Amino acid sequence: MANINQEIMKRTLVINVEDGLNSDGTTKYKGKSFNGIKTDAALDKVYEAGTAIGGLMEKGFKDIGLTEKSELAEA
């Protein structure tokens, strides 16, 4: 089996913010995306930034996510 290298090309921070109520009365959420996250940024710093941004939102936030676009190549 070949060795495969992964190179992260792009990162996006996603903060899920309250967006009203569903018809069944549960809270619905909407993802707010922030592009331009450095590919070598430490995860604890990304989370810290997401928490700080989430705290500035008018409505509360549920969670913080990080999506990555990567390129794979044989080593």
PDB file of N, CA and C in Angstrom:
ATOM      1  N   MET A   1       0.844  -1.179   0.000  1.00  0.00           N
ATOM      2  CA  MET A   1       0.000   0.000   0.000  1.00  0.00           C
ATOM      3  C   MET A   1       0.897   1.253   0.000  1.00  0.00           C
ATOM      4  N   ALA A   2       0.575   2.212  -0.816  1.00  0.00           N
ATOM      5  CA  ALA A   2       1.378   3.429  -0.957  1.00  0.00           C
ATOM      6  C   ALA A   2       1.200   4.356   0.235  1.00  0.00           C
ATOM      7  N   ASN A   3       2.248   5.100   0.554  1.00  0.00           N
ATOM      8  CA  ASN A   3       2.142   6.143   1.572  1.00  0.00           C
ATOM      9  C   ASN A   3       1.521   7.373   0.934  1.00  0.00           C
ATOM     10  N   ILE A   4       0.588   7.971   1.634  1.00  0.00           N
ATOM     11  CA  ILE A   4      -0.128   9.135   1.121  1.00  0.00           C
ATOM     12  C   ILE A   4       0.133  10.332   2.027  1.00  0.00           C
ATOM     13  N   ASN A   5       0.481  11.458   1.427  1.00  0.00           N
ATOM     14  CA  ASN A   5       0.651  12.717   2.159  1.00  0.00           C
ATOM     15  C   ASN A   5      -0.594  13.572   1.991  1.00  0.00           C
ATOM     16  N   GLN A   6      -0.916  14.316   3.019  1.00  0.00           N
ATOM     17  CA  GLN A   6      -2.041  15.244   2.991  1.00  0.00           C
ATOM     18  C   GLN A   6      -1.508  16.658   3.169  1.00  0.00           C
ATOM     19  N   GLU A   7      -1.951  17.564   2.301  1.00  0.00           N
ATOM     20  CA  GLU A   7      -1.608  18.973   2.435  1.00  0.00           C
ATOM     21  C   GLU A   7      -2.917  19.758   2.556  1.00  0.00           C
ATOM     22  N   ILE A   8      -3.083  20.443   3.681  1.00  0.00           N
ATOM     23  CA  ILE A   8      -4.284  21.248   3.886  1.00  0.00           C
ATOM     24  C   ILE A   8      -4.168  22.491   3.022  1.00  0.00           C
ATOM     25  N   MET A   9      -5.150  22.698   2.161  1.00  0.00           N
ATOM     26  CA  MET A   9      -5.143  23.823   1.228  1.00  0.00           C
ATOM     27  C   MET A   9      -5.958  25.014   1.752  1.00  0.00           C
ATOM     28  N   LYS A  10      -7.037  24.726   2.505  1.00  0.00           N
ATOM     29  CA  LYS A  10      -7.934  25.782   2.952  1.00  0.00           C
ATOM     30  C   LYS A  10      -8.640  25.343   4.225  1.00  0.00           C
ATOM     31  N   ARG A  11      -8.832  26.287   5.142  1.00  0.00           N
ATOM     32  CA  ARG A  11      -9.577  26.038   6.371  1.00  0.00           C
ATOM     33  C   ARG A  11     -10.675  27.082   6.514  1.00  0.00           C
ATOM     34  N   THR A  12     -11.819  26.629   7.028  1.00  0.00           N
ATOM     35  CA  THR A  12     -12.939  27.536   7.269  1.00  0.00           C
ATOM     36  C   THR A  12     -13.476  27.269   8.664  1.00  0.00           C
ATOM     37  N   LEU A  13     -13.599  28.324   9.455  1.00  0.00           N
ATOM     38  CA  LEU A  13     -14.177  28.251  10.789  1.00  0.00           C
ATOM     39  C   LEU A  13     -15.684  28.396  10.650  1.00  0.00           C
ATOM     40  N   VAL A  14     -16.457  27.515  11.296  1.00  0.00           N
ATOM     41  CA  VAL A  14     -17.917  27.570  11.236  1.00  0.00           C
ATOM     42  C   VAL A  14     -18.453  27.629  12.663  1.00  0.00           C
ATOM     43  N   ILE A  15     -19.260  28.675  12.930  1.00  0.00           N
ATOM     44  CA  ILE A  15     -19.880  28.843  14.241  1.00  0.00           C
ATOM     45  C   ILE A  15     -21.389  28.696  14.041  1.00  0.00           C
ATOM     46  N   ASN A  16     -22.003  27.735  14.730  1.00  0.00           N
ATOM     47  CA  ASN A  16     -23.440  27.505  14.620  1.00  0.00           C
ATOM     48  C   ASN A  16     -24.172  28.370  15.635  1.00  0.00           C
ATOM     49  N   VAL A  17     -24.922  29.357  15.104  1.00  0.00           N
ATOM     50  CA  VAL A  17     -25.578  30.384  15.915  1.00  0.00           C
ATOM     51  C   VAL A  17     -27.080  30.147  15.933  1.00  0.00           C
ATOM     52  N   GLU A  18     -27.728  30.419  17.065  1.00  0.00           N
ATOM     53  CA  GLU A  18     -29.184  30.292  17.181  1.00  0.00           C
ATOM     54  C   GLU A  18     -29.869  31.109  16.097  1.00  0.00           C
ATOM     55  N   ASP A  19     -30.912  30.506  15.505  1.00  0.00           N
ATOM     56  CA  ASP A  19     -31.637  31.167  14.419  1.00  0.00           C
ATOM     57  C   ASP A  19     -33.140  30.935  14.554  1.00  0.00           C
ATOM     58  N   GLY A  20     -33.657  31.115  15.759  1.00  0.00           N
ATOM     59  CA  GLY A  20     -35.094  30.974  15.983  1.00  0.00           C
ATOM     60  C   GLY A  20     -35.473  29.568  16.409  1.00  0.00           C
ATOM     61  N   LEU A  21     -36.766  29.257  16.202  1.00  0.00           N
ATOM     62  CA  LEU A  21     -37.299  27.972  16.625  1.00  0.00           C
ATOM     63  C   LEU A  21     -37.858  27.196  15.440  1.00  0.00           C
ATOM     64  N   ASN A  22     -37.708  25.879  15.515  1.00  0.00           N
ATOM     65  CA  ASN A  22     -38.351  24.988  14.546  1.00  0.00           C
ATOM     66  C   ASN A  22     -39.826  24.885  14.897  1.00  0.00           C
ATOM     67  N   SER A  23     -40.621  24.304  14.008  1.00  0.00           N
ATOM     68  CA  SER A  23     -42.067  24.164  14.246  1.00  0.00           C
ATOM     69  C   SER A  23     -42.371  23.306  15.470  1.00  0.00           C
ATOM     70  N   ASP A  24     -41.440  22.430  15.863  1.00  0.00           N
ATOM     71  CA  ASP A  24     -41.659  21.594  17.045  1.00  0.00           C
ATOM     72  C   ASP A  24     -41.160  22.255  18.332  1.00  0.00           C
ATOM     73  N   GLY A  25     -40.712  23.512  18.228  1.00  0.00           N
ATOM     74  CA  GLY A  25     -40.287  24.252  19.410  1.00  0.00           C
ATOM     75  C   GLY A  25     -38.818  24.117  19.756  1.00  0.00           C
ATOM     76  N   THR A  26     -38.063  23.298  19.025  1.00  0.00           N
ATOM     77  CA  THR A  26     -36.637  23.170  19.293  1.00  0.00           C
ATOM     78  C   THR A  26     -35.881  24.308  18.614  1.00  0.00           C
ATOM     79  N   THR A  27     -34.733  24.630  19.139  1.00  0.00           N
ATOM     80  CA  THR A  27     -33.920  25.711  18.594  1.00  0.00           C
ATOM     81  C   THR A  27     -33.287  25.273  17.279  1.00  0.00           C
ATOM     82  N   LYS A  28     -33.349  26.145  16.278  1.00  0.00           N
ATOM     83  CA  LYS A  28     -32.636  25.862  15.034  1.00  0.00           C
ATOM     84  C   LYS A  28     -31.389  26.737  14.986  1.00  0.00           C
ATOM     85  N   TYR A  29     -30.412  26.278  14.219  1.00  0.00           N
ATOM     86  CA  TYR A  29     -29.117  26.946  14.148  1.00  0.00           C
ATOM     87  C   TYR A  29     -28.738  27.233  12.700  1.00  0.00           C
ATOM     88  N   LYS A  30     -27.939  28.265  12.518  1.00  0.00           N
ATOM     89  CA  LYS A  30     -27.436  28.638  11.196  1.00  0.00           C
ATOM     90  C   LYS A  30     -25.921  28.771  11.312  1.00  0.00           C
ATOM     91  N   GLY A  31     -25.211  28.170  10.368  1.00  0.00           N
ATOM     92  CA  GLY A  31     -23.753  28.230  10.378  1.00  0.00           C
ATOM     93  C   GLY A  31     -23.242  29.551   9.825  1.00  0.00           C
ATOM     94  N   LYS A  32     -22.367  30.197  10.562  1.00  0.00           N
ATOM     95  CA  LYS A  32     -21.671  31.402  10.113  1.00  0.00           C
ATOM     96  C   LYS A  32     -20.237  31.004   9.802  1.00  0.00           C
ATOM     97  N   SER A  33     -19.812  31.247   8.563  1.00  0.00           N
ATOM     98  CA  SER A  33     -18.492  30.801   8.113  1.00  0.00           C
ATOM     99  C   SER A  33     -17.495  31.943   8.062  1.00  0.00           C
ATOM    100  N   PHE A  34     -16.263  31.617   8.419  1.00  0.00           N
ATOM    101  CA  PHE A  34     -15.163  32.578   8.396  1.00  0.00           C
ATOM    102  C   PHE A  34     -13.988  31.919   7.668  1.00  0.00           C
ATOM    103  N   ASN A  35     -13.686  32.427   6.479  1.00  0.00           N
ATOM    104  CA  ASN A  35     -12.606  31.888   5.649  1.00  0.00           C
ATOM    105  C   ASN A  35     -11.271  32.516   6.034  1.00  0.00           C
ATOM    106  N   GLY A  36     -10.220  31.986   5.455  1.00  0.00           N
ATOM    107  CA  GLY A  36      -8.897  32.573   5.646  1.00  0.00           C
ATOM    108  C   GLY A  36      -8.191  32.120   6.904  1.00  0.00           C
ATOM    109  N   ILE A  37      -8.619  31.000   7.482  1.00  0.00           N
ATOM    110  CA  ILE A  37      -7.937  30.471   8.664  1.00  0.00           C
ATOM    111  C   ILE A  37      -6.610  29.867   8.200  1.00  0.00           C
ATOM    112  N   LYS A  38      -5.535  30.264   8.816  1.00  0.00           N
ATOM    113  CA  LYS A  38      -4.212  29.760   8.416  1.00  0.00           C
ATOM    114  C   LYS A  38      -4.163  28.240   8.528  1.00  0.00           C
ATOM    115  N   THR A  39      -3.588  27.617   7.522  1.00  0.00           N
ATOM    116  CA  THR A  39      -3.545  26.151   7.491  1.00  0.00           C
ATOM    117  C   THR A  39      -2.651  25.566   8.574  1.00  0.00           C
ATOM    118  N   ASP A  40      -1.756  26.367   9.121  1.00  0.00           N
ATOM    119  CA  ASP A  40      -0.870  25.865  10.172  1.00  0.00           C
ATOM    120  C   ASP A  40      -1.248  26.383  11.560  1.00  0.00           C
ATOM    121  N   ALA A  41      -2.430  27.021  11.671  1.00  0.00           N
ATOM    122  CA  ALA A  41      -2.870  27.552  12.966  1.00  0.00           C
ATOM    123  C   ALA A  41      -3.142  26.405  13.939  1.00  0.00           C
ATOM    124  N   ALA A  42      -2.708  26.576  15.178  1.00  0.00           N
ATOM    125  CA  ALA A  42      -2.932  25.567  16.213  1.00  0.00           C
ATOM    126  C   ALA A  42      -4.428  25.474  16.517  1.00  0.00           C
ATOM    127  N   LEU A  43      -4.923  24.251  16.703  1.00  0.00           N
ATOM    128  CA  LEU A  43      -6.355  24.053  16.924  1.00  0.00           C
ATOM    129  C   LEU A  43      -6.866  24.765  18.174  1.00  0.00           C
ATOM    130  N   ASP A  44      -6.053  24.830  19.226  1.00  0.00           N
ATOM    131  CA  ASP A  44      -6.504  25.527  20.428  1.00  0.00           C
ATOM    132  C   ASP A  44      -6.688  27.021  20.163  1.00  0.00           C
ATOM    133  N   LYS A  45      -5.865  27.587  19.303  1.00  0.00           N
ATOM    134  CA  LYS A  45      -5.991  29.009  18.957  1.00  0.00           C
ATOM    135  C   LYS A  45      -7.205  29.246  18.060  1.00  0.00           C
ATOM    136  N   VAL A  46      -7.468  28.323  17.138  1.00  0.00           N
ATOM    137  CA  VAL A  46      -8.658  28.429  16.285  1.00  0.00           C
ATOM    138  C   VAL A  46      -9.912  28.364  17.152  1.00  0.00           C
ATOM    139  N   TYR A  47      -9.946  27.431  18.097  1.00  0.00           N
ATOM    140  CA  TYR A  47     -11.089  27.297  19.001  1.00  0.00           C
ATOM    141  C   TYR A  47     -11.254  28.548  19.859  1.00  0.00           C
ATOM    142  N   GLU A  48     -10.155  29.066  20.363  1.00  0.00           N
ATOM    143  CA  GLU A  48     -10.174  30.280  21.182  1.00  0.00           C
ATOM    144  C   GLU A  48     -10.758  31.452  20.382  1.00  0.00           C
ATOM    145  N   ALA A  49     -10.334  31.582  19.118  1.00  0.00           N
ATOM    146  CA  ALA A  49     -10.859  32.647  18.257  1.00  0.00           C
ATOM    147  C   ALA A  49     -12.346  32.435  17.993  1.00  0.00           C
ATOM    148  N   GLY A  50     -12.747  31.186  17.733  1.00  0.00           N
ATOM    149  CA  GLY A  50     -14.156  30.882  17.494  1.00  0.00           C
ATOM    150  C   GLY A  50     -15.026  31.199  18.694  1.00  0.00           C
ATOM    151  N   THR A  51     -14.532  30.878  19.877  1.00  0.00           N
ATOM    152  CA  THR A  51     -15.258  31.185  21.108  1.00  0.00           C
ATOM    153  C   THR A  51     -15.395  32.689  21.299  1.00  0.00           C
ATOM    154  N   ALA A  52     -14.339  33.430  21.009  1.00  0.00           N
ATOM    155  CA  ALA A  52     -14.373  34.889  21.146  1.00  0.00           C
ATOM    156  C   ALA A  52     -15.361  35.497  20.148  1.00  0.00           C
ATOM    157  N   ILE A  53     -15.321  35.039  18.903  1.00  0.00           N
ATOM    158  CA  ILE A  53     -16.252  35.552  17.890  1.00  0.00           C
ATOM    159  C   ILE A  53     -17.685  35.167  18.256  1.00  0.00           C
ATOM    160  N   GLY A  54     -17.890  33.930  18.673  1.00  0.00           N
ATOM    161  CA  GLY A  54     -19.219  33.474  19.083  1.00  0.00           C
ATOM    162  C   GLY A  54     -19.781  34.306  20.220  1.00  0.00           C
ATOM    163  N   GLY A  55     -18.911  34.728  21.132  1.00  0.00           N
ATOM    164  CA  GLY A  55     -19.337  35.558  22.258  1.00  0.00           C
ATOM    165  C   GLY A  55     -19.777  36.952  21.836  1.00  0.00           C
ATOM    166  N   LEU A  56     -19.351  37.382  20.655  1.00  0.00           N
ATOM    167  CA  LEU A  56     -19.745  38.693  20.150  1.00  0.00           C
ATOM    168  C   LEU A  56     -21.053  38.657  19.363  1.00  0.00           C
ATOM    169  N   MET A  57     -21.540  37.447  19.067  1.00  0.00           N
ATOM    170  CA  MET A  57     -22.775  37.304  18.304  1.00  0.00           C
ATOM    171  C   MET A  57     -23.963  37.794  19.126  1.00  0.00           C
ATOM    172  N   GLU A  58     -24.953  38.345  18.430  1.00  0.00           N
ATOM    173  CA  GLU A  58     -26.160  38.832  19.101  1.00  0.00           C
ATOM    174  C   GLU A  58     -26.905  37.690  19.785  1.00  0.00           C
ATOM    175  N   LYS A  59     -26.941  36.524  19.123  1.00  0.00           N
ATOM    176  CA  LYS A  59     -27.614  35.358  19.683  1.00  0.00           C
ATOM    177  C   LYS A  59     -26.555  34.340  20.092  1.00  0.00           C
ATOM    178  N   GLY A  60     -26.950  33.414  20.949  1.00  0.00           N
ATOM    179  CA  GLY A  60     -26.018  32.414  21.444  1.00  0.00           C
ATOM    180  C   GLY A  60     -25.564  31.450  20.361  1.00  0.00           C
ATOM    181  N   PHE A  61     -24.433  30.789  20.595  1.00  0.00           N
ATOM    182  CA  PHE A  61     -23.942  29.798  19.650  1.00  0.00           C
ATOM    183  C   PHE A  61     -23.907  28.425  20.292  1.00  0.00           C
ATOM    184  N   LYS A  62     -24.040  27.412  19.426  1.00  0.00           N
ATOM    185  CA  LYS A  62     -24.096  26.024  19.880  1.00  0.00           C
ATOM    186  C   LYS A  62     -22.718  25.389  19.909  1.00  0.00           C
ATOM    187  N   ASP A  63     -22.019  25.494  18.780  1.00  0.00           N
ATOM    188  CA  ASP A  63     -20.715  24.845  18.693  1.00  0.00           C
ATOM    189  C   ASP A  63     -19.852  25.506  17.628  1.00  0.00           C
ATOM    190  N   ILE A  64     -18.614  25.062  17.584  1.00  0.00           N
ATOM    191  CA  ILE A  64     -17.621  25.610  16.665  1.00  0.00           C
ATOM    192  C   ILE A  64     -17.062  24.440  15.862  1.00  0.00           C
ATOM    193  N   GLY A  65     -16.979  24.628  14.545  1.00  0.00           N
ATOM    194  CA  GLY A  65     -16.426  23.587  13.677  1.00  0.00           C
ATOM    195  C   GLY A  65     -15.311  24.136  12.809  1.00  0.00           C
ATOM    196  N   LEU A  66     -14.559  23.249  12.239  1.00  0.00           N
ATOM    197  CA  LEU A  66     -13.474  23.626  11.337  1.00  0.00           C
ATOM    198  C   LEU A  66     -13.519  22.678  10.151  1.00  0.00           C
ATOM    199  N   THR A  67     -13.754  23.222   8.964  1.00  0.00           N
ATOM    200  CA  THR A  67     -13.723  22.394   7.759  1.00  0.00           C
ATOM    201  C   THR A  67     -12.398  22.637   7.049  1.00  0.00           C
ATOM    202  N   GLU A  68     -11.885  21.570   6.457  1.00  0.00           N
ATOM    203  CA  GLU A  68     -10.607  21.655   5.763  1.00  0.00           C
ATOM    204  C   GLU A  68     -10.742  21.084   4.355  1.00  0.00           C
ATOM    205  N   LYS A  69     -10.092  21.734   3.422  1.00  0.00           N
ATOM    206  CA  LYS A  69      -9.972  21.201   2.068  1.00  0.00           C
ATOM    207  C   LYS A  69      -8.510  20.782   1.919  1.00  0.00           C
ATOM    208  N   SER A  70      -8.318  19.525   1.575  1.00  0.00           N
ATOM    209  CA  SER A  70      -6.971  18.980   1.497  1.00  0.00           C
ATOM    210  C   SER A  70      -6.681  18.414   0.126  1.00  0.00           C
ATOM    211  N   GLU A  71      -5.395  18.333  -0.169  1.00  0.00           N
ATOM    212  CA  GLU A  71      -4.929  17.669  -1.390  1.00  0.00           C
ATOM    213  C   GLU A  71      -4.130  16.447  -0.950  1.00  0.00           C
ATOM    214  N   LEU A  72      -4.419  15.314  -1.589  1.00  0.00           N
ATOM    215  CA  LEU A  72      -3.720  14.085  -1.269  1.00  0.00           C
ATOM    216  C   LEU A  72      -2.794  13.710  -2.418  1.00  0.00           C
ATOM    217  N   ALA A  73      -1.628  13.189  -2.085  1.00  0.00           N
ATOM    218  CA  ALA A  73      -0.672  12.764  -3.102  1.00  0.00           C
ATOM    219  C   ALA A  73       0.167  11.603  -2.553  1.00  0.00           C
ATOM    220  N   GLU A  74       0.628  10.784  -3.461  1.00  0.00           N
ATOM    221  CA  GLU A  74       1.515   9.697  -3.052  1.00  0.00           C
ATOM    222  C   GLU A  74       2.849  10.271  -2.600  1.00  0.00           C
ATOM    223  N   ALA A  75       3.387   9.672  -1.572  1.00  0.00           N
ATOM    224  CA  ALA A  75       4.670  10.128  -1.020  1.00  0.00           C
ATOM    225  C   ALA A  75       5.828   9.684  -1.880  1.00  0.00           C
TER     226      ALA A  75
END
